[in-house]
C-alpha cells in the first residue's frame, strides 16, 4: 500500500524583536514556528518550519532575581571540567546563546532538531544579514 507524501512548502522568513520580551515566552513561540506547528500542513516527521531572525537579543527583559538564580552549566567530559556561568555574565558576553539555549530546550529531541536550529538566526543588536529575504514581522502575544 502506498502512502501519500505531501512536500513541505517553502520556508518563510520571520523577524522577531526581542526588546522587552520575556525569555520563556519568546522561546516557546519561536520553537513553534521553527517546528512548523503554526501551519495547517504540519507533519511531525518532516522539516516544515520557517526561518526565524531574532534581533535585539541583548535587550531581553528579566526579573532582577533571575540574574541571581539562573546559571548555565557546561561540562567538557573530563573530571573537573564543570563550568557554571551566571545569567548576568552570559547576557554581557553572549546574549545570543541565552536565546539559542532556551529555544533548543523546547524543540523535540530527534533527528530534525539540528536542522531546525540551523533556521534560527539570533543577533545581539538590530542589524542582521537577512534583509534580502524580506522577513515579515512576527508578533508575539
N, C-alpha and C. Protein backbone atom coordinates (compact mmCIF):
# COMPACT_ATOMS: atom_id res chain seq x y z
N UNK A 1 0.84 -1.17 0.00
CA UNK A 1 0.00 0.00 0.00
C UNK A 1 0.89 1.24 0.00
N UNK A 2 0.65 2.15 -0.91
CA UNK A 2 1.41 3.38 -0.98
C UNK A 2 0.77 4.44 -0.10
N UNK A 3 1.62 5.25 0.48
CA UNK A 3 1.12 6.37 1.26
C UNK A 3 1.43 7.65 0.50
N UNK A 4 0.62 8.64 0.71
CA UNK A 4 0.85 9.90 0.02
C UNK A 4 1.88 10.71 0.78
N UNK A 5 2.68 11.42 0.04
CA UNK A 5 3.70 12.27 0.65
C UNK A 5 3.52 13.68 0.12
N UNK A 6 3.11 14.56 0.99
CA UNK A 6 2.92 15.95 0.61
C UNK A 6 4.23 16.69 0.85
N UNK A 7 4.81 17.30 -0.18
CA UNK A 7 6.07 18.02 0.05
C UNK A 7 5.86 19.23 0.93
N UNK A 8 6.84 19.51 1.75
CA UNK A 8 6.75 20.67 2.65
C UNK A 8 6.83 21.95 1.83
N UNK A 9 6.03 22.95 2.19
CA UNK A 9 6.10 24.22 1.45
C UNK A 9 7.42 24.94 1.72
N UNK A 10 7.75 25.88 0.86
CA UNK A 10 8.99 26.64 1.02
C UNK A 10 8.95 27.42 2.33
N UNK A 11 10.05 27.42 3.06
CA UNK A 11 10.05 28.13 4.36
C UNK A 11 9.97 29.64 4.18
N UNK A 12 9.24 30.27 5.06
CA UNK A 12 9.14 31.72 5.10
C UNK A 12 10.19 32.27 6.07
N UNK A 13 10.37 33.56 6.07
CA UNK A 13 11.32 34.21 6.98
C UNK A 13 10.54 35.13 7.90
N UNK A 14 10.77 35.01 9.21
CA UNK A 14 10.10 35.82 10.21
C UNK A 14 11.15 36.63 10.97
N UNK A 15 10.78 37.85 11.34
CA UNK A 15 11.65 38.73 12.11
C UNK A 15 11.00 38.99 13.46
N UNK A 16 11.77 38.74 14.54
CA UNK A 16 11.27 38.93 15.89
C UNK A 16 12.15 39.93 16.61
N UNK A 17 11.54 40.95 17.20
CA UNK A 17 12.28 41.91 18.01
C UNK A 17 12.18 41.48 19.47
N UNK A 18 13.31 41.15 20.08
CA UNK A 18 13.32 40.61 21.44
C UNK A 18 13.37 41.68 22.51
N UNK A 19 13.34 42.94 22.12
CA UNK A 19 13.45 44.02 23.11
C UNK A 19 12.24 44.04 24.03
N UNK A 20 12.49 43.89 25.34
CA UNK A 20 11.43 43.92 26.33
C UNK A 20 10.64 42.63 26.45
N UNK A 21 11.01 41.58 25.72
CA UNK A 21 10.29 40.31 25.76
C UNK A 21 10.82 39.44 26.89
N UNK A 22 9.96 38.56 27.38
CA UNK A 22 10.35 37.56 28.37
C UNK A 22 10.97 36.38 27.63
N UNK A 23 12.05 35.82 28.19
CA UNK A 23 12.80 34.77 27.50
C UNK A 23 11.96 33.54 27.22
N UNK A 24 11.24 33.04 28.20
CA UNK A 24 10.49 31.80 28.01
C UNK A 24 9.36 31.91 27.01
N UNK A 25 8.63 33.01 27.06
CA UNK A 25 7.52 33.21 26.13
C UNK A 25 8.03 33.39 24.70
N UNK A 26 9.13 34.11 24.57
CA UNK A 26 9.75 34.29 23.26
C UNK A 26 10.23 32.96 22.70
N UNK A 27 10.92 32.17 23.53
CA UNK A 27 11.47 30.89 23.08
C UNK A 27 10.37 29.90 22.71
N UNK A 28 9.27 29.91 23.44
CA UNK A 28 8.18 28.99 23.14
C UNK A 28 7.54 29.31 21.80
N UNK A 29 7.33 30.58 21.52
CA UNK A 29 6.73 30.97 20.24
C UNK A 29 7.67 30.70 19.08
N UNK A 30 8.96 30.98 19.26
CA UNK A 30 9.94 30.74 18.21
C UNK A 30 10.09 29.24 17.94
N UNK A 31 10.07 28.42 18.98
CA UNK A 31 10.17 26.97 18.79
C UNK A 31 8.97 26.43 18.01
N UNK A 32 7.80 27.00 18.24
CA UNK A 32 6.61 26.59 17.49
C UNK A 32 6.76 26.90 16.01
N UNK A 33 7.29 28.07 15.70
CA UNK A 33 7.46 28.46 14.30
C UNK A 33 8.57 27.65 13.64
N UNK A 34 9.67 27.39 14.36
CA UNK A 34 10.75 26.57 13.81
C UNK A 34 10.29 25.15 13.51
N UNK A 35 9.44 24.64 14.35
CA UNK A 35 8.94 23.28 14.16
C UNK A 35 7.90 23.20 13.06
N UNK A 36 7.15 24.28 12.85
CA UNK A 36 6.14 24.29 11.79
C UNK A 36 4.74 24.02 12.29
N UNK A 37 4.54 24.06 13.60
CA UNK A 37 3.22 23.75 14.15
C UNK A 37 2.20 24.85 13.88
N UNK A 38 2.65 26.00 13.42
CA UNK A 38 1.72 27.09 13.10
C UNK A 38 1.08 26.91 11.73
N UNK A 39 1.53 25.95 10.95
CA UNK A 39 1.00 25.69 9.60
C UNK A 39 -0.07 24.61 9.64
N UNK A 40 -0.97 24.68 8.70
CA UNK A 40 -2.01 23.66 8.59
C UNK A 40 -1.43 22.35 8.06
N UNK A 41 -0.31 22.44 7.34
CA UNK A 41 0.30 21.25 6.75
C UNK A 41 1.39 20.66 7.64
N UNK A 42 1.32 20.86 8.96
CA UNK A 42 2.34 20.36 9.88
C UNK A 42 2.36 18.83 9.88
N UNK A 43 3.55 18.30 9.85
CA UNK A 43 3.76 16.86 9.96
C UNK A 43 4.99 16.66 10.86
N UNK A 44 4.87 15.88 11.93
CA UNK A 44 5.97 15.80 12.90
C UNK A 44 7.25 15.16 12.37
N UNK A 45 7.17 14.41 11.28
CA UNK A 45 8.37 13.75 10.78
C UNK A 45 9.03 14.50 9.63
N UNK A 46 8.51 15.67 9.28
CA UNK A 46 9.07 16.47 8.19
C UNK A 46 9.58 17.80 8.72
N UNK A 47 10.54 18.36 8.01
CA UNK A 47 11.05 19.68 8.33
C UNK A 47 10.18 20.70 7.60
N UNK A 48 9.18 21.19 8.28
CA UNK A 48 8.22 22.10 7.62
C UNK A 48 8.14 23.44 8.32
N UNK A 49 9.13 23.78 9.13
CA UNK A 49 9.13 25.06 9.83
C UNK A 49 9.72 26.18 8.99
N UNK A 50 9.74 27.36 9.56
CA UNK A 50 10.23 28.54 8.88
C UNK A 50 11.53 29.03 9.51
N UNK A 51 12.17 29.97 8.82
CA UNK A 51 13.36 30.63 9.36
C UNK A 51 12.91 31.74 10.31
N UNK A 52 13.65 31.93 11.40
CA UNK A 52 13.34 32.98 12.36
C UNK A 52 14.61 33.78 12.62
N UNK A 53 14.52 35.10 12.44
CA UNK A 53 15.62 36.01 12.71
C UNK A 53 15.23 36.81 13.96
N UNK A 54 16.03 36.71 15.02
CA UNK A 54 15.76 37.42 16.26
C UNK A 54 16.79 38.53 16.41
N UNK A 55 16.32 39.76 16.59
CA UNK A 55 17.22 40.90 16.78
C UNK A 55 17.03 41.45 18.19
N UNK A 56 17.98 42.25 18.63
CA UNK A 56 18.00 42.86 19.97
C UNK A 56 18.00 41.82 21.08
N UNK A 57 18.83 40.81 20.95
CA UNK A 57 18.90 39.75 21.96
C UNK A 57 19.46 40.28 23.28
N UNK A 58 20.23 41.34 23.23
CA UNK A 58 20.81 41.87 24.46
C UNK A 58 19.82 42.70 25.27
N UNK A 59 18.61 42.92 24.75
CA UNK A 59 17.63 43.75 25.43
C UNK A 59 16.43 42.95 25.95
N UNK A 60 16.65 41.68 26.27
CA UNK A 60 15.60 40.87 26.87
C UNK A 60 15.25 41.40 28.25
N UNK A 61 14.03 41.15 28.68
CA UNK A 61 13.59 41.60 30.00
C UNK A 61 13.67 40.44 30.98
N UNK A 62 14.27 40.69 32.14
CA UNK A 62 14.38 39.69 33.19
C UNK A 62 13.98 40.30 34.52
N UNK A 63 13.46 39.48 35.42
CA UNK A 63 13.26 39.92 36.80
C UNK A 63 14.65 40.04 37.44
N UNK A 64 14.84 40.98 38.36
CA UNK A 64 16.16 41.11 38.99
C UNK A 64 16.62 39.85 39.72
N UNK A 65 15.68 39.11 40.26
CA UNK A 65 16.06 37.89 40.98
C UNK A 65 16.54 36.79 40.03
N UNK A 66 16.12 36.86 38.77
CA UNK A 66 16.54 35.85 37.79
C UNK A 66 18.05 35.92 37.56
N UNK A 67 18.61 37.12 37.59
CA UNK A 67 20.05 37.26 37.40
C UNK A 67 20.84 36.57 38.51
N UNK A 68 20.29 36.51 39.71
CA UNK A 68 20.98 35.84 40.82
C UNK A 68 20.80 34.33 40.78
N UNK A 69 19.63 33.86 40.35
CA UNK A 69 19.31 32.45 40.47
C UNK A 69 19.76 31.59 39.29
N UNK A 70 19.65 32.10 38.07
CA UNK A 70 19.87 31.27 36.89
C UNK A 70 21.35 31.16 36.53
N UNK A 71 21.81 29.93 36.35
CA UNK A 71 23.17 29.68 35.89
C UNK A 71 23.14 28.68 34.75
N UNK A 72 24.10 28.78 33.86
CA UNK A 72 24.24 27.85 32.74
C UNK A 72 25.41 26.93 33.04
N UNK A 73 25.21 25.63 32.86
CA UNK A 73 26.20 24.63 33.21
C UNK A 73 26.72 23.96 31.94
N UNK A 74 28.04 23.89 31.81
CA UNK A 74 28.70 23.19 30.71
C UNK A 74 29.69 22.20 31.30
N UNK A 75 29.93 21.12 30.58
CA UNK A 75 30.90 20.13 31.04
C UNK A 75 31.72 19.67 29.86
N UNK A 76 33.03 19.58 30.05
CA UNK A 76 33.93 19.19 28.97
C UNK A 76 33.94 17.68 28.77
N UNK A 77 33.52 16.92 29.75
CA UNK A 77 33.59 15.47 29.67
C UNK A 77 34.75 14.92 30.47
N UNK A 78 35.63 15.78 30.93
CA UNK A 78 36.77 15.36 31.73
C UNK A 78 36.49 15.62 33.20
N UNK A 79 37.17 14.89 34.10
CA UNK A 79 36.99 15.15 35.53
C UNK A 79 37.37 16.58 35.88
N UNK A 80 36.52 17.24 36.61
CA UNK A 80 36.75 18.62 36.98
C UNK A 80 36.44 19.61 35.87
N UNK A 81 35.79 19.16 34.82
CA UNK A 81 35.52 20.02 33.67
C UNK A 81 34.18 20.73 33.72
N UNK A 82 33.59 20.85 34.91
CA UNK A 82 32.30 21.52 35.05
C UNK A 82 32.51 23.02 35.15
N UNK A 83 31.76 23.77 34.36
CA UNK A 83 31.84 25.23 34.46
C UNK A 83 30.44 25.79 34.57
N UNK A 84 30.28 26.77 35.45
CA UNK A 84 28.99 27.42 35.67
C UNK A 84 29.13 28.89 35.28
N UNK A 85 28.16 29.36 34.50
CA UNK A 85 28.15 30.75 34.08
C UNK A 85 26.84 31.38 34.51
N UNK A 86 26.87 32.43 35.32
CA UNK A 86 25.63 33.08 35.72
C UNK A 86 24.99 33.82 34.54
N UNK A 87 23.68 34.01 34.62
CA UNK A 87 22.93 34.67 33.55
C UNK A 87 23.44 36.07 33.27
N UNK A 88 23.83 36.80 34.30
CA UNK A 88 24.30 38.17 34.11
C UNK A 88 25.55 38.21 33.24
N UNK A 89 26.49 37.31 33.49
CA UNK A 89 27.72 37.25 32.70
C UNK A 89 27.42 36.78 31.28
N UNK A 90 26.49 35.84 31.14
CA UNK A 90 26.13 35.32 29.83
C UNK A 90 25.48 36.42 28.97
N UNK A 91 24.64 37.26 29.60
CA UNK A 91 23.99 38.34 28.86
C UNK A 91 24.99 39.42 28.46
N UNK A 92 26.04 39.60 29.23
CA UNK A 92 27.06 40.59 28.88
C UNK A 92 27.95 40.09 27.74
N UNK A 93 28.31 38.80 27.78
CA UNK A 93 29.26 38.26 26.80
C UNK A 93 28.58 37.69 25.56
N UNK A 94 27.59 36.81 25.76
CA UNK A 94 26.96 36.13 24.63
C UNK A 94 25.44 36.10 24.79
N UNK A 95 24.75 37.21 24.56
CA UNK A 95 23.29 37.19 24.73
C UNK A 95 22.58 36.32 23.70
N UNK A 96 23.22 36.05 22.56
CA UNK A 96 22.61 35.18 21.55
C UNK A 96 22.45 33.76 22.08
N UNK A 97 23.47 33.31 22.85
CA UNK A 97 23.44 31.95 23.37
C UNK A 97 22.32 31.72 24.38
N UNK A 98 21.90 32.77 25.07
CA UNK A 98 20.80 32.64 26.02
C UNK A 98 19.52 32.24 25.28
N UNK A 99 19.25 32.90 24.17
CA UNK A 99 18.05 32.59 23.39
C UNK A 99 18.19 31.24 22.70
N UNK A 100 19.35 30.96 22.14
CA UNK A 100 19.55 29.69 21.43
C UNK A 100 19.37 28.51 22.38
N UNK A 101 19.90 28.60 23.60
CA UNK A 101 19.75 27.51 24.56
C UNK A 101 18.31 27.34 25.00
N UNK A 102 17.58 28.44 25.14
CA UNK A 102 16.18 28.35 25.55
C UNK A 102 15.33 27.70 24.45
N UNK A 103 15.56 28.08 23.20
CA UNK A 103 14.80 27.51 22.09
C UNK A 103 15.18 26.05 21.89
N UNK A 104 16.47 25.75 22.02
CA UNK A 104 16.96 24.38 21.84
C UNK A 104 16.31 23.42 22.82
N UNK A 105 16.09 23.88 24.04
CA UNK A 105 15.45 23.04 25.05
C UNK A 105 13.98 22.81 24.80
N UNK A 106 13.35 23.63 23.96
CA UNK A 106 11.93 23.48 23.68
C UNK A 106 11.65 22.73 22.39
N UNK A 107 12.67 22.35 21.67
CA UNK A 107 12.48 21.56 20.45
C UNK A 107 12.55 20.07 20.81
N UNK A 108 11.90 19.22 20.01
CA UNK A 108 11.92 17.79 20.32
C UNK A 108 13.30 17.18 20.09
N UNK A 109 13.61 16.17 20.84
CA UNK A 109 14.91 15.50 20.73
C UNK A 109 14.82 14.42 19.66
N UNK A 110 15.07 14.80 18.41
CA UNK A 110 15.04 13.84 17.30
C UNK A 110 16.04 14.30 16.23
N UNK A 111 16.03 13.65 15.07
CA UNK A 111 16.99 13.97 14.02
C UNK A 111 16.75 15.32 13.37
N UNK A 112 15.57 15.86 13.52
CA UNK A 112 15.26 17.14 12.90
C UNK A 112 15.74 18.34 13.73
N UNK A 113 16.09 18.11 14.99
CA UNK A 113 16.47 19.22 15.87
C UNK A 113 17.63 20.06 15.33
N UNK A 114 18.75 19.46 14.89
CA UNK A 114 19.83 20.28 14.34
C UNK A 114 19.41 21.05 13.09
N UNK A 115 18.55 20.46 12.28
CA UNK A 115 18.10 21.13 11.08
C UNK A 115 17.18 22.31 11.42
N UNK A 116 16.38 22.15 12.46
CA UNK A 116 15.52 23.25 12.89
C UNK A 116 16.35 24.39 13.47
N UNK A 117 17.40 24.04 14.22
CA UNK A 117 18.24 25.08 14.84
C UNK A 117 19.05 25.85 13.80
N UNK A 118 19.31 25.23 12.64
CA UNK A 118 20.00 25.96 11.58
C UNK A 118 19.14 27.08 11.02
N UNK A 119 17.84 27.00 11.23
CA UNK A 119 16.92 28.03 10.74
C UNK A 119 16.70 29.14 11.76
N UNK A 120 17.40 29.08 12.87
CA UNK A 120 17.32 30.13 13.89
C UNK A 120 18.54 31.03 13.76
N UNK A 121 18.30 32.33 13.61
CA UNK A 121 19.38 33.30 13.45
C UNK A 121 19.17 34.39 14.50
N UNK A 122 20.13 34.50 15.43
CA UNK A 122 19.99 35.43 16.56
C UNK A 122 21.10 36.47 16.48
N UNK A 123 20.71 37.74 16.69
CA UNK A 123 21.66 38.85 16.64
C UNK A 123 21.54 39.69 17.90
N UNK A 124 22.68 40.20 18.35
CA UNK A 124 22.76 40.97 19.58
C UNK A 124 22.05 42.32 19.47
N UNK A 125 22.20 42.99 18.32
CA UNK A 125 21.58 44.28 18.13
C UNK A 125 20.56 44.22 17.00
N UNK A 126 20.17 45.38 16.47
CA UNK A 126 19.09 45.38 15.48
C UNK A 126 19.57 45.21 14.04
N UNK A 127 20.86 44.99 13.82
CA UNK A 127 21.37 44.76 12.47
C UNK A 127 21.44 43.26 12.20
N UNK A 128 20.93 42.84 11.04
CA UNK A 128 21.00 41.43 10.65
C UNK A 128 21.32 41.33 9.17
N UNK A 129 21.74 40.16 8.74
CA UNK A 129 22.21 39.96 7.37
C UNK A 129 21.15 39.37 6.45
N UNK A 130 19.89 39.38 6.85
CA UNK A 130 18.86 38.70 6.07
C UNK A 130 17.80 39.66 5.55
N UNK A 131 18.18 40.87 5.23
CA UNK A 131 17.23 41.84 4.69
C UNK A 131 16.79 41.44 3.28
N UNK A 132 17.65 40.74 2.54
CA UNK A 132 17.31 40.33 1.17
C UNK A 132 16.19 39.29 1.14
N UNK A 133 16.03 38.54 2.23
CA UNK A 133 14.96 37.53 2.28
C UNK A 133 13.61 38.15 2.62
N UNK A 134 13.58 39.44 2.94
CA UNK A 134 12.36 40.17 3.27
C UNK A 134 11.57 39.48 4.39
N UNK A 135 12.15 39.37 5.58
CA UNK A 135 11.41 38.70 6.67
C UNK A 135 10.21 39.53 7.11
N UNK A 136 9.10 38.84 7.36
CA UNK A 136 7.90 39.50 7.86
C UNK A 136 7.96 39.52 9.38
N UNK A 137 7.42 40.56 9.96
CA UNK A 137 7.45 40.71 11.40
C UNK A 137 6.52 39.69 12.07
N UNK A 138 7.04 38.99 13.05
CA UNK A 138 6.26 38.01 13.79
C UNK A 138 5.85 38.63 15.11
N UNK A 139 4.56 38.81 15.31
CA UNK A 139 4.08 39.42 16.55
C UNK A 139 3.92 38.33 17.59
N UNK A 140 4.35 38.65 18.80
CA UNK A 140 4.24 37.71 19.90
C UNK A 140 3.07 38.13 20.78
N UNK A 141 2.24 37.18 21.21
CA UNK A 141 1.08 37.56 22.04
C UNK A 141 1.50 38.02 23.42
